[in-house]
């Protein structure tokens, strides 16, 4: 089963966050036996911290794959935030 990597985990690592870097790096390393994925929303959230898409592409760990979000999954995912 794939593991969806949250944008905050990636941003903690990219920005070397003083508080969360250790936790996020450990979590990502622990999940590396799984198939790690990001979706378009996570890609968009992370992209605002980069000047170009090429820079973001070069920074994303190669073990992180990209996957779309099926529309049928988006409604129930959002329902949890109500």
PDB file of N, CA and C in Angstrom:
ATOM      1  N   UNK A   1       0.845  -1.173   0.000  1.00  0.00           N
ATOM      2  CA  UNK A   1       0.000   0.000   0.000  1.00  0.00           C
ATOM      3  C   UNK A   1       0.894   1.241   0.000  1.00  0.00           C
ATOM      4  N   UNK A   2       0.597   2.212  -0.852  1.00  0.00           N
ATOM      5  CA  UNK A   2       1.421   3.425  -0.903  1.00  0.00           C
ATOM      6  C   UNK A   2       1.227   4.296   0.338  1.00  0.00           C
ATOM      7  N   UNK A   3       2.257   5.053   0.635  1.00  0.00           N
ATOM      8  CA  UNK A   3       2.229   6.022   1.731  1.00  0.00           C
ATOM      9  C   UNK A   3       2.233   7.408   1.116  1.00  0.00           C
ATOM     10  N   UNK A   4       1.200   8.189   1.421  1.00  0.00           N
ATOM     11  CA  UNK A   4       1.105   9.562   0.923  1.00  0.00           C
ATOM     12  C   UNK A   4       1.947  10.467   1.821  1.00  0.00           C
ATOM     13  N   UNK A   5       2.941  11.112   1.238  1.00  0.00           N
ATOM     14  CA  UNK A   5       3.849  11.975   1.992  1.00  0.00           C
ATOM     15  C   UNK A   5       3.229  13.368   2.080  1.00  0.00           C
ATOM     16  N   UNK A   6       3.018  13.848   3.283  1.00  0.00           N
ATOM     17  CA  UNK A   6       2.406  15.156   3.489  1.00  0.00           C
ATOM     18  C   UNK A   6       3.375  16.274   3.101  1.00  0.00           C
ATOM     19  N   UNK A   7       2.821  17.363   2.618  1.00  0.00           N
ATOM     20  CA  UNK A   7       3.654  18.501   2.211  1.00  0.00           C
ATOM     21  C   UNK A   7       4.479  19.039   3.377  1.00  0.00           C
ATOM     22  N   UNK A   8       3.934  18.997   4.586  1.00  0.00           N
ATOM     23  CA  UNK A   8       4.694  19.509   5.737  1.00  0.00           C
ATOM     24  C   UNK A   8       5.962  18.708   5.994  1.00  0.00           C
ATOM     25  N   UNK A   9       5.916  17.410   5.766  1.00  0.00           N
ATOM     26  CA  UNK A   9       7.110  16.572   5.941  1.00  0.00           C
ATOM     27  C   UNK A   9       8.178  16.992   4.931  1.00  0.00           C
ATOM     28  N   UNK A  10       7.773  17.151   3.679  1.00  0.00           N
ATOM     29  CA  UNK A  10       8.738  17.569   2.659  1.00  0.00           C
ATOM     30  C   UNK A  10       9.285  18.963   2.954  1.00  0.00           C
ATOM     31  N   UNK A  11       8.418  19.877   3.345  1.00  0.00           N
ATOM     32  CA  UNK A  11       8.872  21.244   3.617  1.00  0.00           C
ATOM     33  C   UNK A  11       9.803  21.297   4.831  1.00  0.00           C
ATOM     34  N   UNK A  12       9.527  20.485   5.852  1.00  0.00           N
ATOM     35  CA  UNK A  12      10.432  20.424   7.004  1.00  0.00           C
ATOM     36  C   UNK A  12      11.838  20.025   6.560  1.00  0.00           C
ATOM     37  N   UNK A  13      11.904  19.074   5.641  1.00  0.00           N
ATOM     38  CA  UNK A  13      13.198  18.604   5.150  1.00  0.00           C
ATOM     39  C   UNK A  13      13.844  19.635   4.232  1.00  0.00           C
ATOM     40  N   UNK A  14      13.085  20.171   3.294  1.00  0.00           N
ATOM     41  CA  UNK A  14      13.637  21.151   2.345  1.00  0.00           C
ATOM     42  C   UNK A  14      14.140  22.415   3.046  1.00  0.00           C
ATOM     43  N   UNK A  15      13.400  22.871   4.072  1.00  0.00           N
ATOM     44  CA  UNK A  15      13.765  24.112   4.761  1.00  0.00           C
ATOM     45  C   UNK A  15      14.642  23.880   5.989  1.00  0.00           C
ATOM     46  N   UNK A  16      14.919  22.601   6.280  1.00  0.00           N
ATOM     47  CA  UNK A  16      15.697  22.231   7.465  1.00  0.00           C
ATOM     48  C   UNK A  16      15.108  22.878   8.715  1.00  0.00           C
ATOM     49  N   UNK A  17      13.800  22.713   8.871  1.00  0.00           N
ATOM     50  CA  UNK A  17      13.068  23.297   9.991  1.00  0.00           C
ATOM     51  C   UNK A  17      13.708  22.907  11.328  1.00  0.00           C
ATOM     52  N   UNK A  18      13.967  23.899  12.161  1.00  0.00           N
ATOM     53  CA  UNK A  18      14.672  23.680  13.424  1.00  0.00           C
ATOM     54  C   UNK A  18      13.900  22.768  14.383  1.00  0.00           C
ATOM     55  N   UNK A  19      12.594  22.801  14.325  1.00  0.00           N
ATOM     56  CA  UNK A  19      11.785  22.007  15.259  1.00  0.00           C
ATOM     57  C   UNK A  19      11.443  20.631  14.684  1.00  0.00           C
ATOM     58  N   UNK A  20      11.043  20.566  13.430  1.00  0.00           N
ATOM     59  CA  UNK A  20      10.462  19.346  12.877  1.00  0.00           C
ATOM     60  C   UNK A  20      11.352  18.545  11.939  1.00  0.00           C
ATOM     61  N   UNK A  21      12.526  19.042  11.604  1.00  0.00           N
ATOM     62  CA  UNK A  21      13.391  18.325  10.657  1.00  0.00           C
ATOM     63  C   UNK A  21      13.674  16.892  11.096  1.00  0.00           C
ATOM     64  N   UNK A  22      14.069  16.707  12.328  1.00  0.00           N
ATOM     65  CA  UNK A  22      14.410  15.370  12.817  1.00  0.00           C
ATOM     66  C   UNK A  22      13.249  14.403  12.715  1.00  0.00           C
ATOM     67  N   UNK A  23      12.092  14.847  13.171  1.00  0.00           N
ATOM     68  CA  UNK A  23      10.904  13.982  13.130  1.00  0.00           C
ATOM     69  C   UNK A  23      10.544  13.638  11.697  1.00  0.00           C
ATOM     70  N   UNK A  24      10.506  14.642  10.834  1.00  0.00           N
ATOM     71  CA  UNK A  24      10.097  14.421   9.440  1.00  0.00           C
ATOM     72  C   UNK A  24      11.084  13.534   8.696  1.00  0.00           C
ATOM     73  N   UNK A  25      12.369  13.761   8.894  1.00  0.00           N
ATOM     74  CA  UNK A  25      13.382  12.940   8.229  1.00  0.00           C
ATOM     75  C   UNK A  25      13.288  11.490   8.696  1.00  0.00           C
ATOM     76  N   UNK A  26      13.090  11.291   9.996  1.00  0.00           N
ATOM     77  CA  UNK A  26      12.954   9.938  10.540  1.00  0.00           C
ATOM     78  C   UNK A  26      11.708   9.259   9.989  1.00  0.00           C
ATOM     79  N   UNK A  27      10.604   9.989   9.911  1.00  0.00           N
ATOM     80  CA  UNK A  27       9.357   9.422   9.386  1.00  0.00           C
ATOM     81  C   UNK A  27       9.515   9.027   7.923  1.00  0.00           C
ATOM     82  N   UNK A  28      10.163   9.873   7.146  1.00  0.00           N
ATOM     83  CA  UNK A  28      10.363   9.558   5.727  1.00  0.00           C
ATOM     84  C   UNK A  28      11.296   8.354   5.559  1.00  0.00           C
ATOM     85  N   UNK A  29      12.350   8.305   6.356  1.00  0.00           N
ATOM     86  CA  UNK A  29      13.268   7.164   6.289  1.00  0.00           C
ATOM     87  C   UNK A  29      12.567   5.872   6.713  1.00  0.00           C
ATOM     88  N   UNK A  30      11.722   5.937   7.728  1.00  0.00           N
ATOM     89  CA  UNK A  30      11.015   4.746   8.209  1.00  0.00           C
ATOM     90  C   UNK A  30      10.030   4.227   7.174  1.00  0.00           C
ATOM     91  N   UNK A  31       9.512   5.122   6.361  1.00  0.00           N
ATOM     92  CA  UNK A  31       8.524   4.728   5.350  1.00  0.00           C
ATOM     93  C   UNK A  31       9.161   4.339   4.026  1.00  0.00           C
ATOM     94  N   UNK A  32      10.479   4.397   3.936  1.00  0.00           N
ATOM     95  CA  UNK A  32      11.115   4.178   2.632  1.00  0.00           C
ATOM     96  C   UNK A  32      10.994   2.745   2.122  1.00  0.00           C
ATOM     97  N   UNK A  33      10.540   1.830   2.945  1.00  0.00           N
ATOM     98  CA  UNK A  33      10.295   0.474   2.459  1.00  0.00           C
ATOM     99  C   UNK A  33       8.941   0.411   1.756  1.00  0.00           C
ATOM    100  N   UNK A  34       8.161   1.452   1.916  1.00  0.00           N
ATOM    101  CA  UNK A  34       6.859   1.543   1.268  1.00  0.00           C
ATOM    102  C   UNK A  34       6.992   2.316  -0.035  1.00  0.00           C
ATOM    103  N   UNK A  35       5.957   2.282  -0.808  1.00  0.00           N
ATOM    104  CA  UNK A  35       5.903   3.099  -2.025  1.00  0.00           C
ATOM    105  C   UNK A  35       5.452   4.493  -1.605  1.00  0.00           C
ATOM    106  N   UNK A  36       6.323   5.481  -1.713  1.00  0.00           N
ATOM    107  CA  UNK A  36       6.027   6.846  -1.288  1.00  0.00           C
ATOM    108  C   UNK A  36       5.463   7.635  -2.459  1.00  0.00           C
ATOM    109  N   UNK A  37       4.368   8.351  -2.224  1.00  0.00           N
ATOM    110  CA  UNK A  37       3.731   9.114  -3.295  1.00  0.00           C
ATOM    111  C   UNK A  37       3.336  10.497  -2.807  1.00  0.00           C
ATOM    112  N   UNK A  38       3.231  11.410  -3.767  1.00  0.00           N
ATOM    113  CA  UNK A  38       2.607  12.712  -3.547  1.00  0.00           C
ATOM    114  C   UNK A  38       1.525  12.857  -4.612  1.00  0.00           C
ATOM    115  N   UNK A  39       0.572  13.712  -4.330  1.00  0.00           N
ATOM    116  CA  UNK A  39      -0.491  13.971  -5.302  1.00  0.00           C
ATOM    117  C   UNK A  39      -0.358  15.407  -5.802  1.00  0.00           C
ATOM    118  N   UNK A  40      -1.177  15.819  -6.760  1.00  0.00           N
ATOM    119  CA  UNK A  40      -1.055  17.177  -7.311  1.00  0.00           C
ATOM    120  C   UNK A  40      -1.203  18.285  -6.266  1.00  0.00           C
ATOM    121  N   UNK A  41      -2.044  18.072  -5.254  1.00  0.00           N
ATOM    122  CA  UNK A  41      -2.221  19.110  -4.229  1.00  0.00           C
ATOM    123  C   UNK A  41      -0.954  19.264  -3.398  1.00  0.00           C
ATOM    124  N   UNK A  42      -0.345  18.170  -3.033  1.00  0.00           N
ATOM    125  CA  UNK A  42       0.901  18.235  -2.271  1.00  0.00           C
ATOM    126  C   UNK A  42       1.996  18.869  -3.117  1.00  0.00           C
ATOM    127  N   UNK A  43       2.062  18.498  -4.382  1.00  0.00           N
ATOM    128  CA  UNK A  43       3.042  19.106  -5.287  1.00  0.00           C
ATOM    129  C   UNK A  43       2.836  20.626  -5.331  1.00  0.00           C
ATOM    130  N   UNK A  44       1.578  21.061  -5.433  1.00  0.00           N
ATOM    131  CA  UNK A  44       1.272  22.498  -5.485  1.00  0.00           C
ATOM    132  C   UNK A  44       1.650  23.193  -4.183  1.00  0.00           C
ATOM    133  N   UNK A  45       1.337  22.574  -3.052  1.00  0.00           N
ATOM    134  CA  UNK A  45       1.656  23.186  -1.755  1.00  0.00           C
ATOM    135  C   UNK A  45       3.161  23.368  -1.583  1.00  0.00           C
ATOM    136  N   UNK A  46       3.924  22.391  -2.012  1.00  0.00           N
ATOM    137  CA  UNK A  46       5.379  22.457  -1.878  1.00  0.00           C
ATOM    138  C   UNK A  46       5.982  23.418  -2.905  1.00  0.00           C
ATOM    139  N   UNK A  47       5.359  23.516  -4.070  1.00  0.00           N
ATOM    140  CA  UNK A  47       5.943  24.299  -5.171  1.00  0.00           C
ATOM    141  C   UNK A  47       6.091  25.781  -4.872  1.00  0.00           C
ATOM    142  N   UNK A  48       5.280  26.325  -3.982  1.00  0.00           N
ATOM    143  CA  UNK A  48       5.371  27.764  -3.706  1.00  0.00           C
ATOM    144  C   UNK A  48       6.692  28.162  -3.059  1.00  0.00           C
ATOM    145  N   UNK A  49       7.456  27.181  -2.616  1.00  0.00           N
ATOM    146  CA  UNK A  49       8.746  27.459  -1.997  1.00  0.00           C
ATOM    147  C   UNK A  49       9.910  27.358  -2.975  1.00  0.00           C
ATOM    148  N   UNK A  50       9.598  27.205  -4.266  1.00  0.00           N
ATOM    149  CA  UNK A  50      10.622  27.065  -5.294  1.00  0.00           C
ATOM    150  C   UNK A  50      10.375  28.084  -6.402  1.00  0.00           C
ATOM    151  N   UNK A  51      11.437  28.490  -7.065  1.00  0.00           N
ATOM    152  CA  UNK A  51      11.317  29.467  -8.141  1.00  0.00           C
ATOM    153  C   UNK A  51      10.882  28.844  -9.461  1.00  0.00           C
ATOM    154  N   UNK A  52      11.271  27.578  -9.678  1.00  0.00           N
ATOM    155  CA  UNK A  52      10.929  26.918 -10.936  1.00  0.00           C
ATOM    156  C   UNK A  52      10.498  25.480 -10.671  1.00  0.00           C
ATOM    157  N   UNK A  53       9.739  24.934 -11.609  1.00  0.00           N
ATOM    158  CA  UNK A  53       9.329  23.534 -11.501  1.00  0.00           C
ATOM    159  C   UNK A  53      10.551  22.618 -11.599  1.00  0.00           C
ATOM    160  N   UNK A  54      11.546  23.024 -12.378  1.00  0.00           N
ATOM    161  CA  UNK A  54      12.761  22.228 -12.506  1.00  0.00           C
ATOM    162  C   UNK A  54      13.505  22.127 -11.176  1.00  0.00           C
ATOM    163  N   UNK A  55      13.519  23.233 -10.425  1.00  0.00           N
ATOM    164  CA  UNK A  55      14.170  23.233  -9.112  1.00  0.00           C
ATOM    165  C   UNK A  55      13.435  22.283  -8.158  1.00  0.00           C
ATOM    166  N   UNK A  56      12.117  22.325  -8.180  1.00  0.00           N
ATOM    167  CA  UNK A  56      11.335  21.415  -7.333  1.00  0.00           C
ATOM    168  C   UNK A  56      11.566  19.965  -7.751  1.00  0.00           C
ATOM    169  N   UNK A  57      11.502  19.699  -9.049  1.00  0.00           N
ATOM    170  CA  UNK A  57      11.731  18.341  -9.540  1.00  0.00           C
ATOM    171  C   UNK A  57      13.095  17.811  -9.093  1.00  0.00           C
ATOM    172  N   UNK A  58      14.106  18.661  -9.133  1.00  0.00           N
ATOM    173  CA  UNK A  58      15.453  18.251  -8.748  1.00  0.00           C
ATOM    174  C   UNK A  58      15.574  18.029  -7.237  1.00  0.00           C
ATOM    175  N   UNK A  59      14.718  18.676  -6.468  1.00  0.00           N
ATOM    176  CA  UNK A  59      14.788  18.595  -5.011  1.00  0.00           C
ATOM    177  C   UNK A  59      13.974  17.444  -4.437  1.00  0.00           C
ATOM    178  N   UNK A  60      12.899  17.066  -5.117  1.00  0.00           N
ATOM    179  CA  UNK A  60      12.081  15.953  -4.628  1.00  0.00           C
ATOM    180  C   UNK A  60      12.913  14.680  -4.575  1.00  0.00           C
ATOM    181  N   UNK A  61      12.829  13.949  -3.476  1.00  0.00           N
ATOM    182  CA  UNK A  61      13.574  12.690  -3.413  1.00  0.00           C
ATOM    183  C   UNK A  61      13.141  11.752  -4.540  1.00  0.00           C
ATOM    184  N   UNK A  62      14.072  11.083  -5.186  1.00  0.00           N
ATOM    185  CA  UNK A  62      13.716  10.206  -6.313  1.00  0.00           C
ATOM    186  C   UNK A  62      12.813   9.048  -5.915  1.00  0.00           C
ATOM    187  N   UNK A  63      12.748   8.708  -4.637  1.00  0.00           N
ATOM    188  CA  UNK A  63      11.885   7.605  -4.202  1.00  0.00           C
ATOM    189  C   UNK A  63      10.424   8.022  -4.077  1.00  0.00           C
ATOM    190  N   UNK A  64      10.154   9.326  -4.214  1.00  0.00           N
ATOM    191  CA  UNK A  64       8.775   9.817  -4.100  1.00  0.00           C
ATOM    192  C   UNK A  64       8.153   9.868  -5.498  1.00  0.00           C
ATOM    193  N   UNK A  65       7.090   9.098  -5.673  1.00  0.00           N
ATOM    194  CA  UNK A  65       6.388   9.046  -6.951  1.00  0.00           C
ATOM    195  C   UNK A  65       5.217  10.020  -6.944  1.00  0.00           C
ATOM    196  N   UNK A  66       4.714  10.319  -8.135  1.00  0.00           N
ATOM    197  CA  UNK A  66       3.548  11.199  -8.279  1.00  0.00           C
ATOM    198  C   UNK A  66       2.345  10.363  -8.691  1.00  0.00           C
ATOM    199  N   UNK A  67       1.210  10.679  -8.062  1.00  0.00           N
ATOM    200  CA  UNK A  67      -0.016   9.973  -8.387  1.00  0.00           C
ATOM    201  C   UNK A  67      -1.183  10.944  -8.352  1.00  0.00           C
ATOM    202  N   UNK A  68      -2.121  10.753  -9.264  1.00  0.00           N
ATOM    203  CA  UNK A  68      -3.317  11.590  -9.278  1.00  0.00           C
ATOM    204  C   UNK A  68      -4.256  11.219  -8.141  1.00  0.00           C
ATOM    205  N   UNK A  69      -5.190  12.119  -7.863  1.00  0.00           N
ATOM    206  CA  UNK A  69      -6.239  11.851  -6.887  1.00  0.00           C
ATOM    207  C   UNK A  69      -7.521  11.582  -7.665  1.00  0.00           C
ATOM    208  N   UNK A  70      -8.099  10.399  -7.531  1.00  0.00           N
ATOM    209  CA  UNK A  70      -9.366  10.163  -8.226  1.00  0.00           C
ATOM    210  C   UNK A  70     -10.458  11.061  -7.635  1.00  0.00           C
ATOM    211  N   UNK A  71     -11.301  11.591  -8.489  1.00  0.00           N
ATOM    212  CA  UNK A  71     -12.375  12.445  -8.005  1.00  0.00           C
ATOM    213  C   UNK A  71     -13.218  11.736  -6.954  1.00  0.00           C
ATOM    214  N   UNK A  72     -13.396  10.434  -7.098  1.00  0.00           N
ATOM    215  CA  UNK A  72     -14.213   9.683  -6.148  1.00  0.00           C
ATOM    216  C   UNK A  72     -13.597   9.656  -4.746  1.00  0.00           C
ATOM    217  N   UNK A  73     -12.313   9.920  -4.636  1.00  0.00           N
ATOM    218  CA  UNK A  73     -11.652   9.939  -3.333  1.00  0.00           C
ATOM    219  C   UNK A  73     -11.605  11.334  -2.720  1.00  0.00           C
ATOM    220  N   UNK A  74     -11.803  12.359  -3.521  1.00  0.00           N
ATOM    221  CA  UNK A  74     -11.642  13.718  -3.019  1.00  0.00           C
ATOM    222  C   UNK A  74     -12.759  14.147  -2.071  1.00  0.00           C
ATOM    223  N   UNK A  75     -13.989  13.790  -2.385  1.00  0.00           N
ATOM    224  CA  UNK A  75     -15.106  14.188  -1.532  1.00  0.00           C
ATOM    225  C   UNK A  75     -14.982  13.582  -0.131  1.00  0.00           C
ATOM    226  N   UNK A  76     -14.810  12.259  -0.013  1.00  0.00           N
ATOM    227  CA  UNK A  76     -14.694  11.716   1.340  1.00  0.00           C
ATOM    228  C   UNK A  76     -13.456  12.224   2.093  1.00  0.00           C
ATOM    229  N   UNK A  77     -12.383  12.512   1.365  1.00  0.00           N
ATOM    230  CA  UNK A  77     -11.192  13.047   2.032  1.00  0.00           C
ATOM    231  C   UNK A  77     -11.484  14.416   2.617  1.00  0.00           C
ATOM    232  N   UNK A  78     -12.203  15.243   1.890  1.00  0.00           N
ATOM    233  CA  UNK A  78     -12.554  16.579   2.379  1.00  0.00           C
ATOM    234  C   UNK A  78     -13.599  16.520   3.478  1.00  0.00           C
ATOM    235  N   UNK A  79     -14.435  15.509   3.455  1.00  0.00           N
ATOM    236  CA  UNK A  79     -15.501  15.401   4.460  1.00  0.00           C
ATOM    237  C   UNK A  79     -14.935  15.307   5.870  1.00  0.00           C
ATOM    238  N   UNK A  80     -13.751  14.762   6.002  1.00  0.00           N
ATOM    239  CA  UNK A  80     -13.128  14.676   7.318  1.00  0.00           C
ATOM    240  C   UNK A  80     -12.762  16.018   7.914  1.00  0.00           C
ATOM    241  N   UNK A  81     -12.708  17.061   7.097  1.00  0.00           N
ATOM    242  CA  UNK A  81     -12.335  18.388   7.604  1.00  0.00           C
ATOM    243  C   UNK A  81     -13.560  19.224   7.976  1.00  0.00           C
ATOM    244  N   UNK A  82     -14.737  18.651   7.815  1.00  0.00           N
ATOM    245  CA  UNK A  82     -15.962  19.398   8.170  1.00  0.00           C
ATOM    246  C   UNK A  82     -16.258  19.331   9.632  1.00  0.00           C
TER     247      UNK A  82
END
